[in-house]
Amino acid sequence: MTMTYTAVKQHVSNRGVPPNDFLDQLVAWGKDAPDEIFVRNPFSDIYSSVFNTLGPWQGIPHRRAVMLEVMRVLAGFESSWNWNEGRDITNPTSVIPDTIEAGAWQVSANAMNFGQELKDLVLDKVGTLDGNAFQKAMKLDHLLAMEFVARLLRRTTRHHGPALRHEIDPWLRRDAVAEFIALM
């Protein structure tokens, strides 16, 4: 089934609009992702960060759609929605396998240090915590990449500069959240 996108195709900064294939995968993941990713937690997380932009929260379906909207915009900032994006050559700390970024959300293996569940997820899906294997998995296993970044954003916004500095906030859209709810 081909989905029609309107609000979620809105322009993001100087990056353009997300491709339909990216949105198709994001919506499919959002439909099936475990509810536990979206429930309240004790951390200062992405929901705390974007509350003034997209809150207040109206239950799990709304929180799920907010996460997809954050992921849509953040992937635009981090990689222009490129699943195969590699090392950020402007980052002076991106020099060893554990610090080299990879994938649509430009995560690095050292992000696993933000929570045991992140290590457990990677170990379960990749079989190792090796930085090179992590980079490859973030590019090739899109379901893993989406779950990893969502769980990471529930722990902290410090791993993603555009979220930490609130650069994504002007590009987050309430109508896109409503569209994500309808699509799921």
Protein backbone atom coordinates (compact mmCIF):
# COMPACT_ATOMS: atom_id res chain seq x y z
CA MET A 1 0.00 0.00 0.00
CA THR A 2 1.38 3.38 -1.01
CA MET A 3 1.01 6.04 1.64
CA THR A 4 0.31 9.66 0.87
CA TYR A 5 2.36 12.15 2.83
CA THR A 6 1.67 15.84 3.26
CA ALA A 7 2.65 17.34 6.64
CA VAL A 8 5.55 14.94 7.17
CA LYS A 9 7.02 16.07 3.83
CA GLN A 10 7.57 19.58 5.17
CA HIS A 11 10.93 21.20 4.59
CA VAL A 12 13.63 20.72 7.24
CA SER A 13 16.23 23.49 7.54
CA ASN A 14 18.51 23.50 4.51
CA ARG A 15 18.10 19.74 4.02
CA GLY A 16 14.96 19.57 1.91
CA VAL A 17 12.23 16.98 2.51
CA PRO A 18 12.49 13.36 3.57
CA PRO A 19 12.18 10.72 0.85
CA ASN A 20 9.05 8.57 0.84
CA ASP A 21 11.09 5.41 1.41
CA PHE A 22 12.50 6.87 4.62
CA LEU A 23 9.00 7.85 5.78
CA ASP A 24 7.59 4.44 4.83
CA GLN A 25 10.18 2.73 7.03
CA LEU A 26 9.70 5.22 9.88
CA VAL A 27 5.92 4.74 9.93
CA ALA A 28 6.21 0.95 9.71
CA TRP A 29 8.64 0.93 12.64
CA GLY A 30 6.41 3.31 14.59
CA LYS A 31 3.43 0.97 14.22
CA ASP A 32 5.32 -2.00 15.65
CA ALA A 33 7.77 -0.43 18.13
CA PRO A 34 7.32 -1.58 21.74
CA ASP A 35 5.18 0.74 23.88
CA GLU A 36 7.91 0.74 26.53
CA ILE A 37 9.95 3.10 24.34
CA PHE A 38 7.30 5.80 24.64
CA VAL A 39 6.19 5.65 28.28
CA ARG A 40 7.24 8.20 30.90
CA ASN A 41 10.64 7.71 32.44
CA PRO A 42 12.77 9.47 35.08
CA PHE A 43 15.29 10.91 32.61
CA SER A 44 15.52 14.37 31.11
CA ASP A 45 14.90 13.08 27.60
CA ILE A 46 13.65 14.16 24.20
CA TYR A 47 10.10 14.52 25.50
CA SER A 48 11.34 16.97 28.15
CA SER A 49 13.32 18.79 25.48
CA VAL A 50 10.47 19.31 22.98
CA PHE A 51 7.58 19.69 25.43
CA ASN A 52 7.17 23.42 24.73
CA THR A 53 7.13 22.74 20.98
CA LEU A 54 4.95 19.63 20.71
CA GLY A 55 3.43 19.01 24.17
CA PRO A 56 1.43 18.40 26.23
CA TRP A 57 1.39 14.64 25.74
CA GLN A 58 -1.91 12.91 25.12
CA GLY A 59 -1.07 9.26 25.70
CA ILE A 60 1.10 6.64 24.05
CA PRO A 61 -0.16 7.14 20.44
CA HIS A 62 0.66 10.84 20.68
CA ARG A 63 4.04 10.23 22.30
CA ARG A 64 4.79 7.64 19.58
CA ALA A 65 3.96 10.17 16.85
CA VAL A 66 6.05 12.86 18.56
CA MET A 67 9.03 10.49 18.56
CA LEU A 68 8.57 9.86 14.82
CA GLU A 69 8.43 13.59 14.18
CA VAL A 70 11.61 14.14 16.18
CA MET A 71 13.29 11.27 14.32
CA ARG A 72 12.13 12.70 10.96
CA VAL A 73 13.59 16.13 11.65
CA LEU A 74 16.73 14.90 13.42
CA ALA A 75 17.61 12.54 10.55
CA GLY A 76 17.30 15.51 8.20
CA PHE A 77 19.77 17.50 10.27
CA GLU A 78 22.17 14.62 10.85
CA SER A 79 22.30 13.00 7.41
CA SER A 80 19.69 14.40 5.02
CA TRP A 81 17.87 11.06 5.63
CA ASN A 82 20.81 9.05 4.30
CA TRP A 83 20.86 5.56 5.85
CA ASN A 84 24.47 5.13 4.65
CA GLU A 85 25.92 8.36 6.02
CA GLY A 86 29.38 7.83 7.45
CA ARG A 87 31.91 9.63 9.58
CA ASP A 88 31.44 13.32 10.31
CA ILE A 89 34.75 14.70 9.05
CA THR A 90 34.13 18.00 10.89
CA ASN A 91 34.05 16.24 14.28
CA PRO A 92 37.57 16.12 15.76
CA THR A 93 36.57 13.30 18.15
CA SER A 94 35.35 11.06 15.32
CA VAL A 95 38.60 9.14 14.96
CA ILE A 96 38.22 5.61 16.36
CA PRO A 97 35.57 2.93 15.69
CA ASP A 98 33.69 3.76 18.92
CA THR A 99 33.40 7.47 18.11
CA ILE A 100 32.81 7.38 14.35
CA GLU A 101 29.22 8.23 13.47
CA ALA A 102 27.08 6.15 11.16
CA GLY A 103 23.65 6.02 9.63
CA ALA A 104 20.68 8.35 9.31
CA TRP A 105 20.98 9.63 12.89
CA GLN A 106 24.78 9.70 12.99
CA VAL A 107 25.06 7.63 16.15
CA SER A 108 28.36 6.22 17.33
CA ALA A 109 29.09 3.11 19.36
CA ASN A 110 30.03 5.16 22.42
CA ALA A 111 26.34 6.12 22.67
CA MET A 112 25.75 2.64 24.10
CA ASN A 113 27.31 4.00 27.32
CA PHE A 114 24.12 5.97 28.00
CA GLY A 115 22.23 2.83 29.07
CA GLN A 116 22.53 -0.90 29.50
CA GLU A 117 19.43 -1.45 27.37
CA LEU A 118 21.30 0.14 24.45
CA LYS A 119 24.16 -2.32 24.85
CA ASP A 120 21.70 -5.19 25.25
CA LEU A 121 19.84 -4.18 22.08
CA VAL A 122 23.03 -4.02 20.01
CA LEU A 123 24.39 -7.24 21.47
CA ASP A 124 21.10 -9.00 20.67
CA LYS A 125 20.87 -7.68 17.09
CA VAL A 126 24.54 -7.43 16.10
CA GLY A 127 26.14 -10.04 18.35
CA THR A 128 28.97 -7.77 19.44
CA LEU A 129 29.59 -4.29 20.84
CA ASP A 130 32.49 -3.71 18.41
CA GLY A 131 32.52 -0.17 16.98
CA ASN A 132 33.04 -1.23 13.37
CA ALA A 133 30.20 -3.76 13.56
CA PHE A 134 28.00 -1.08 15.18
CA GLN A 135 28.66 1.35 12.31
CA LYS A 136 27.79 -1.27 9.71
CA ALA A 137 24.60 -2.25 11.55
CA MET A 138 23.42 1.38 11.86
CA LYS A 139 23.66 1.70 8.09
CA LEU A 140 22.19 -1.67 7.07
CA ASP A 141 19.69 -2.63 9.78
CA HIS A 142 17.19 0.21 9.64
CA LEU A 143 14.89 -1.32 12.27
CA LEU A 144 17.81 -1.49 14.68
CA ALA A 145 18.88 2.06 13.85
CA MET A 146 15.38 3.41 14.53
CA GLU A 147 14.97 1.54 17.79
CA PHE A 148 18.47 2.48 18.92
CA VAL A 149 18.02 6.21 18.29
CA ALA A 150 14.56 6.24 19.90
CA ARG A 151 15.86 4.49 23.01
CA LEU A 152 18.91 6.78 23.07
CA LEU A 153 16.70 9.88 22.84
CA ARG A 154 14.75 8.55 25.82
CA ARG A 155 18.00 8.57 27.82
CA THR A 156 19.56 11.83 26.68
CA THR A 157 19.68 14.51 24.02
CA ARG A 158 23.42 15.04 24.62
CA HIS A 159 24.45 12.64 21.84
CA HIS A 160 22.71 14.71 19.17
CA GLY A 161 23.85 18.32 18.93
CA PRO A 162 20.84 19.52 16.89
CA ALA A 163 18.49 18.16 19.60
CA LEU A 164 20.64 19.36 22.50
CA ARG A 165 20.94 22.87 21.07
CA HIS A 166 17.22 22.91 20.11
CA GLU A 167 18.11 23.45 16.45
CA ILE A 168 15.46 20.89 15.47
CA ASP A 169 12.68 22.66 17.38
CA PRO A 170 11.70 25.25 14.72
CA TRP A 171 11.26 22.43 12.20
CA LEU A 172 9.07 20.17 14.38
CA ARG A 173 5.44 20.37 13.29
CA ARG A 174 2.24 19.63 15.19
CA ASP A 175 0.44 18.84 11.93
CA ALA A 176 3.16 16.28 11.15
CA VAL A 177 2.56 14.67 14.56
CA ALA A 178 -1.17 14.50 13.73
CA GLU A 179 -0.37 12.95 10.35
CA PHE A 180 1.90 10.35 11.96
CA ILE A 181 -0.95 9.42 14.31
CA ALA A 182 -3.27 8.96 11.34
CA LEU A 183 -0.67 6.95 9.41
CA MET A 184 -0.17 4.56 12.31
